[in-house]
C-alpha cells in the first residue's frame, strides 16, 4: 500500500467521505478477513466479524490518529478485537449444551421456589432505565460487554459500572 493512498484514505475518513470505506474495503478487506478467519476458524463468523469491523471502522473513523499507529495497525486491532468478541459470543451462545437428563430443574418442588424471583424481568423493570438497558442487553439479549458498549454507544467502563450497580440494586429488591 503506497503512503500517498493511505494518506488519501485518512483524509477521506476525516471528512466522513463514503469513498473512504470503499477504498478501505478494496485495499484491506482480504488481509483483515485472513486475520479474522485465523481467529474464528469459521467462514460465516469471519464474514460477520469483517462486516462488523468495517461498521466499527466507519463509526470510529474520526478517532484514528496517524501519530499513534499506521492505518493498517489501527484496522488490524479493530478487526482482531471484533473477531475475538464474535468468537466469544458465538461460543457462549451456541456451544453450551444443556444437560437435560442431569438437570434438577424438572424435579424441584414448586414450594421450594422463591415466588419473588420467578419474574426477573419484572424486577429489572423497577430499576432506573440506564441500568435496565444494560442488564437487558447483557442478560436477555446475550451480548458481551463489548458488544453492548458498541451497540448502545456507551463506553465500556460505563457498561461495567451500570452492570455492577444494577445487580446491586436487584439484590436489594430480593433481600428482605
C-alpha atoms as a PDB file:
ATOM      1  CA  UNK A   1       0.000   0.000   0.000  1.00  0.00           C
ATOM      2  CA  UNK A   2       1.504   3.309  -1.007  1.00  0.00           C
ATOM      3  CA  UNK A   3       1.840   6.029   1.587  1.00  0.00           C
ATOM      4  CA  UNK A   4       0.027   8.532  -0.624  1.00  0.00           C
ATOM      5  CA  UNK A   5      -3.008   6.228  -0.975  1.00  0.00           C
ATOM      6  CA  UNK A   6      -3.025   5.662   2.781  1.00  0.00           C
ATOM      7  CA  UNK A   7      -2.874   9.435   3.380  1.00  0.00           C
ATOM      8  CA  UNK A   8      -5.693   9.947   0.877  1.00  0.00           C
ATOM      9  CA  UNK A   9      -7.851   7.366   2.698  1.00  0.00           C
ATOM     10  CA  UNK A  10      -7.117   9.029   6.054  1.00  0.00           C
ATOM     11  CA  UNK A  11      -8.134  12.415   4.648  1.00  0.00           C
ATOM     12  CA  UNK A  12     -11.381  10.938   3.337  1.00  0.00           C
ATOM     13  CA  UNK A  13     -12.050   9.318   6.732  1.00  0.00           C
ATOM     14  CA  UNK A  14     -11.536  12.642   8.484  1.00  0.00           C
ATOM     15  CA  UNK A  15     -14.152  14.191   6.177  1.00  0.00           C
ATOM     16  CA  UNK A  16     -16.534  11.225   6.647  1.00  0.00           C
ATOM     17  CA  UNK A  17     -16.430  10.721   2.905  1.00  0.00           C
ATOM     18  CA  UNK A  18     -18.028   7.391   1.983  1.00  0.00           C
ATOM     19  CA  UNK A  19     -15.368   6.861  -0.688  1.00  0.00           C
ATOM     20  CA  UNK A  20     -13.007   6.066   2.207  1.00  0.00           C
ATOM     21  CA  UNK A  21     -14.890   2.950   3.206  1.00  0.00           C
ATOM     22  CA  UNK A  22     -14.831   1.690  -0.391  1.00  0.00           C
ATOM     23  CA  UNK A  23     -11.083   2.271  -0.619  1.00  0.00           C
ATOM     24  CA  UNK A  24     -10.534   0.620   2.754  1.00  0.00           C
ATOM     25  CA  UNK A  25     -12.540  -2.399   1.675  1.00  0.00           C
ATOM     26  CA  UNK A  26     -10.753  -2.696  -1.682  1.00  0.00           C
ATOM     27  CA  UNK A  27      -7.297  -2.406  -0.136  1.00  0.00           C
ATOM     28  CA  UNK A  28      -7.614  -4.067   3.263  1.00  0.00           C
ATOM     29  CA  UNK A  29     -10.606  -6.438   3.335  1.00  0.00           C
ATOM     30  CA  UNK A  30      -8.666  -9.510   2.192  1.00  0.00           C
ATOM     31  CA  UNK A  31      -5.914  -9.031   4.773  1.00  0.00           C
ATOM     32  CA  UNK A  32      -8.371  -8.319   7.578  1.00  0.00           C
ATOM     33  CA  UNK A  33     -10.509 -11.306   6.573  1.00  0.00           C
ATOM     34  CA  UNK A  34      -7.417 -13.517   6.786  1.00  0.00           C
ATOM     35  CA  UNK A  35      -6.687 -12.284  10.306  1.00  0.00           C
ATOM     36  CA  UNK A  36     -10.301 -12.767  11.370  1.00  0.00           C
ATOM     37  CA  UNK A  37     -10.568 -16.235   9.820  1.00  0.00           C
ATOM     38  CA  UNK A  38      -7.431 -17.342  11.683  1.00  0.00           C
ATOM     39  CA  UNK A  39      -9.089 -16.337  14.949  1.00  0.00           C
ATOM     40  CA  UNK A  40     -12.625 -17.604  14.339  1.00  0.00           C
ATOM     41  CA  UNK A  41     -11.785 -20.675  12.217  1.00  0.00           C
ATOM     42  CA  UNK A  42     -15.293 -20.332  10.806  1.00  0.00           C
ATOM     43  CA  UNK A  43     -16.050 -18.659   7.461  1.00  0.00           C
ATOM     44  CA  UNK A  44     -19.535 -17.495   8.421  1.00  0.00           C
ATOM     45  CA  UNK A  45     -18.317 -15.949  11.693  1.00  0.00           C
ATOM     46  CA  UNK A  46     -15.366 -14.414   9.865  1.00  0.00           C
ATOM     47  CA  UNK A  47     -17.634 -12.778   7.285  1.00  0.00           C
ATOM     48  CA  UNK A  48     -19.872 -11.380  10.043  1.00  0.00           C
ATOM     49  CA  UNK A  49     -16.860 -10.143  12.003  1.00  0.00           C
ATOM     50  CA  UNK A  50     -15.408  -8.482   8.895  1.00  0.00           C
ATOM     51  CA  UNK A  51     -18.675  -6.680   8.265  1.00  0.00           C
ATOM     52  CA  UNK A  52     -18.895  -5.593  11.918  1.00  0.00           C
ATOM     53  CA  UNK A  53     -15.281  -4.458  11.757  1.00  0.00           C
ATOM     54  CA  UNK A  54     -15.985  -2.162   8.833  1.00  0.00           C
ATOM     55  CA  UNK A  55     -19.018  -0.739  10.628  1.00  0.00           C
ATOM     56  CA  UNK A  56     -16.840  -0.036  13.684  1.00  0.00           C
ATOM     57  CA  UNK A  57     -14.115   1.435  11.488  1.00  0.00           C
ATOM     58  CA  UNK A  58     -16.628   3.792   9.893  1.00  0.00           C
ATOM     59  CA  UNK A  59     -18.210   4.776  13.227  1.00  0.00           C
ATOM     60  CA  UNK A  60     -14.792   5.437  14.801  1.00  0.00           C
ATOM     61  CA  UNK A  61     -13.070   6.928  11.753  1.00  0.00           C
ATOM     62  CA  UNK A  62     -12.606  10.321  13.388  1.00  0.00           C
ATOM     63  CA  UNK A  63     -10.810   8.685  16.323  1.00  0.00           C
ATOM     64  CA  UNK A  64      -7.992   7.411  14.120  1.00  0.00           C
ATOM     65  CA  UNK A  65      -4.721   9.189  14.913  1.00  0.00           C
ATOM     66  CA  UNK A  66      -1.889   8.642  12.448  1.00  0.00           C
ATOM     67  CA  UNK A  67       0.594   9.749  15.122  1.00  0.00           C
ATOM     68  CA  UNK A  68      -0.328   6.754  17.281  1.00  0.00           C
ATOM     69  CA  UNK A  69      -0.467   3.980  14.695  1.00  0.00           C
ATOM     70  CA  UNK A  70      -0.327   3.240  10.990  1.00  0.00           C
ATOM     71  CA  UNK A  71      -3.695   2.848   9.324  1.00  0.00           C
ATOM     72  CA  UNK A  72      -3.328  -0.917   8.877  1.00  0.00           C
ATOM     73  CA  UNK A  73      -2.355  -1.365  12.531  1.00  0.00           C
ATOM     74  CA  UNK A  74      -5.482   0.513  13.604  1.00  0.00           C
ATOM     75  CA  UNK A  75      -7.663  -1.518  11.216  1.00  0.00           C
ATOM     76  CA  UNK A  76      -5.983  -4.743  12.364  1.00  0.00           C
ATOM     77  CA  UNK A  77      -6.731  -4.029  16.035  1.00  0.00           C
ATOM     78  CA  UNK A  78     -10.383  -3.326  15.332  1.00  0.00           C
ATOM     79  CA  UNK A  79     -10.740  -6.481  13.201  1.00  0.00           C
ATOM     80  CA  UNK A  80      -8.858  -8.652  15.716  1.00  0.00           C
ATOM     81  CA  UNK A  81     -10.906  -7.433  18.691  1.00  0.00           C
ATOM     82  CA  UNK A  82     -14.143  -7.819  16.750  1.00  0.00           C
ATOM     83  CA  UNK A  83     -13.200 -11.377  15.775  1.00  0.00           C
ATOM     84  CA  UNK A  84     -12.379 -12.277  19.381  1.00  0.00           C
ATOM     85  CA  UNK A  85     -15.667 -10.766  20.610  1.00  0.00           C
ATOM     86  CA  UNK A  86     -17.594 -12.549  17.854  1.00  0.00           C
ATOM     87  CA  UNK A  87     -15.973 -15.888  18.698  1.00  0.00           C
ATOM     88  CA  UNK A  88     -16.627 -15.489  22.416  1.00  0.00           C
ATOM     89  CA  UNK A  89     -20.229 -14.511  21.786  1.00  0.00           C
ATOM     90  CA  UNK A  90     -20.706 -17.459  19.435  1.00  0.00           C
ATOM     91  CA  UNK A  91     -19.172 -19.887  21.911  1.00  0.00           C
ATOM     92  CA  UNK A  92     -21.284 -18.530  24.756  1.00  0.00           C
ATOM     93  CA  UNK A  93     -24.498 -18.787  22.792  1.00  0.00           C
ATOM     94  CA  UNK A  94     -24.172 -21.971  20.795  1.00  0.00           C
ATOM     95  CA  UNK A  95     -21.647 -24.286  22.373  1.00  0.00           C
ATOM     96  CA  UNK A  96     -23.086 -24.563  25.860  1.00  0.00           C
ATOM     97  CA  UNK A  97     -25.175 -27.692  25.993  1.00  0.00           C
ATOM     98  CA  UNK A  98     -27.973 -28.063  28.464  1.00  0.00           C
ATOM     99  CA  UNK A  99     -27.764 -31.458  30.095  1.00  0.00           C
ATOM    100  CA  UNK A 100     -31.500 -32.100  30.467  1.00  0.00           C
ATOM    101  CA  UNK A 101     -31.024 -35.610  31.806  1.00  0.00           C
ATOM    102  CA  UNK A 102     -28.691 -34.306  34.535  1.00  0.00           C
ATOM    103  CA  UNK A 103     -30.689 -31.219  35.377  1.00  0.00           C
ATOM    104  CA  UNK A 104     -32.697 -30.936  38.556  1.00  0.00           C
ATOM    105  CA  UNK A 105     -34.953 -28.239  37.126  1.00  0.00           C
ATOM    106  CA  UNK A 106     -37.771 -30.684  36.496  1.00  0.00           C
ATOM    107  CA  UNK A 107     -37.662 -32.297  39.928  1.00  0.00           C
ATOM    108  CA  UNK A 108     -37.750 -29.191  42.102  1.00  0.00           C
ATOM    109  CA  UNK A 109     -40.950 -28.957  44.101  1.00  0.00           C
ATOM    110  CA  UNK A 110     -42.665 -25.642  43.452  1.00  0.00           C
ATOM    111  CA  UNK A 111     -42.849 -24.920  47.163  1.00  0.00           C
ATOM    112  CA  UNK A 112     -39.062 -24.557  47.207  1.00  0.00           C
ATOM    113  CA  UNK A 113     -39.122 -21.815  44.569  1.00  0.00           C
ATOM    114  CA  UNK A 114     -38.994 -18.267  45.830  1.00  0.00           C
ATOM    115  CA  UNK A 115     -42.027 -16.715  44.154  1.00  0.00           C
ATOM    116  CA  UNK A 116     -40.418 -13.263  44.340  1.00  0.00           C
ATOM    117  CA  UNK A 117     -37.598 -14.199  41.987  1.00  0.00           C
ATOM    118  CA  UNK A 118     -39.530 -16.039  39.291  1.00  0.00           C
ATOM    119  CA  UNK A 119     -40.101 -12.990  37.105  1.00  0.00           C
ATOM    120  CA  UNK A 120     -36.695 -11.363  36.937  1.00  0.00           C
ATOM    121  CA  UNK A 121     -37.702  -9.127  34.015  1.00  0.00           C
ATOM    122  CA  UNK A 122     -40.382  -7.546  36.183  1.00  0.00           C
ATOM    123  CA  UNK A 123     -37.792  -6.762  38.848  1.00  0.00           C
ATOM    124  CA  UNK A 124     -35.343  -5.387  36.296  1.00  0.00           C
ATOM    125  CA  UNK A 125     -38.194  -3.153  35.159  1.00  0.00           C
ATOM    126  CA  UNK A 126     -38.173  -1.488  38.582  1.00  0.00           C
ATOM    127  CA  UNK A 127     -34.617  -0.225  38.128  1.00  0.00           C
ATOM    128  CA  UNK A 128     -33.574   3.092  36.614  1.00  0.00           C
ATOM    129  CA  UNK A 129     -33.774   2.948  32.835  1.00  0.00           C
ATOM    130  CA  UNK A 130     -29.989   3.238  32.391  1.00  0.00           C
ATOM    131  CA  UNK A 131     -29.495   0.020  34.392  1.00  0.00           C
ATOM    132  CA  UNK A 132     -32.400  -1.727  32.664  1.00  0.00           C
ATOM    133  CA  UNK A 133     -30.878  -1.088  29.235  1.00  0.00           C
ATOM    134  CA  UNK A 134     -27.529  -2.577  30.222  1.00  0.00           C
ATOM    135  CA  UNK A 135     -28.989  -5.598  32.062  1.00  0.00           C
ATOM    136  CA  UNK A 136     -31.374  -6.345  29.182  1.00  0.00           C
ATOM    137  CA  UNK A 137     -28.538  -6.209  26.641  1.00  0.00           C
ATOM    138  CA  UNK A 138     -26.209  -8.407  28.678  1.00  0.00           C
ATOM    139  CA  UNK A 139     -28.582 -10.982  30.146  1.00  0.00           C
ATOM    140  CA  UNK A 140     -31.655 -11.133  27.949  1.00  0.00           C
ATOM    141  CA  UNK A 141     -30.084 -10.398  24.563  1.00  0.00           C
ATOM    142  CA  UNK A 142     -26.880 -12.338  25.263  1.00  0.00           C
ATOM    143  CA  UNK A 143     -24.445  -9.575  24.321  1.00  0.00           C
ATOM    144  CA  UNK A 144     -20.925  -9.373  25.640  1.00  0.00           C
ATOM    145  CA  UNK A 145     -19.987  -6.202  27.482  1.00  0.00           C
ATOM    146  CA  UNK A 146     -18.051  -5.007  24.422  1.00  0.00           C
ATOM    147  CA  UNK A 147     -20.997  -5.734  22.106  1.00  0.00           C
ATOM    148  CA  UNK A 148     -23.335  -3.848  24.438  1.00  0.00           C
ATOM    149  CA  UNK A 149     -20.888  -0.946  24.508  1.00  0.00           C
ATOM    150  CA  UNK A 150     -20.755  -0.811  20.716  1.00  0.00           C
ATOM    151  CA  UNK A 151     -24.470  -1.395  20.159  1.00  0.00           C
ATOM    152  CA  UNK A 152     -25.665   1.078  22.801  1.00  0.00           C
ATOM    153  CA  UNK A 153     -22.881   3.572  22.074  1.00  0.00           C
ATOM    154  CA  UNK A 154     -21.960   3.649  25.763  1.00  0.00           C
ATOM    155  CA  UNK A 155     -18.314   3.470  26.901  1.00  0.00           C
ATOM    156  CA  UNK A 156     -17.227   0.028  28.099  1.00  0.00           C
ATOM    157  CA  UNK A 157     -16.360   1.350  31.575  1.00  0.00           C
ATOM    158  CA  UNK A 158     -19.863   2.779  31.912  1.00  0.00           C
ATOM    159  CA  UNK A 159     -21.371  -0.566  30.860  1.00  0.00           C
ATOM    160  CA  UNK A 160     -19.366  -2.308  33.591  1.00  0.00           C
ATOM    161  CA  UNK A 161     -20.340   0.275  36.221  1.00  0.00           C
ATOM    162  CA  UNK A 162     -24.031   0.151  35.323  1.00  0.00           C
ATOM    163  CA  UNK A 163     -23.939  -3.650  35.410  1.00  0.00           C
ATOM    164  CA  UNK A 164     -22.415  -3.646  38.878  1.00  0.00           C
ATOM    165  CA  UNK A 165     -24.819  -1.024  40.227  1.00  0.00           C
ATOM    166  CA  UNK A 166     -27.811  -2.643  38.501  1.00  0.00           C
ATOM    167  CA  UNK A 167     -27.009  -6.027  40.038  1.00  0.00           C
ATOM    168  CA  UNK A 168     -26.563  -4.418  43.444  1.00  0.00           C
ATOM    169  CA  UNK A 169     -29.959  -2.722  43.097  1.00  0.00           C
ATOM    170  CA  UNK A 170     -31.555  -6.023  42.021  1.00  0.00           C
ATOM    171  CA  UNK A 171     -30.085  -7.695  45.077  1.00  0.00           C
ATOM    172  CA  UNK A 172     -31.773  -5.078  47.246  1.00  0.00           C
ATOM    173  CA  UNK A 173     -35.126  -5.995  45.653  1.00  0.00           C
ATOM    174  CA  UNK A 174     -34.587  -9.664  46.518  1.00  0.00           C
ATOM    175  CA  UNK A 175     -33.214  -9.168  50.021  1.00  0.00           C
ATOM    176  CA  UNK A 176     -35.993  -8.712  52.586  1.00  0.00           C
END
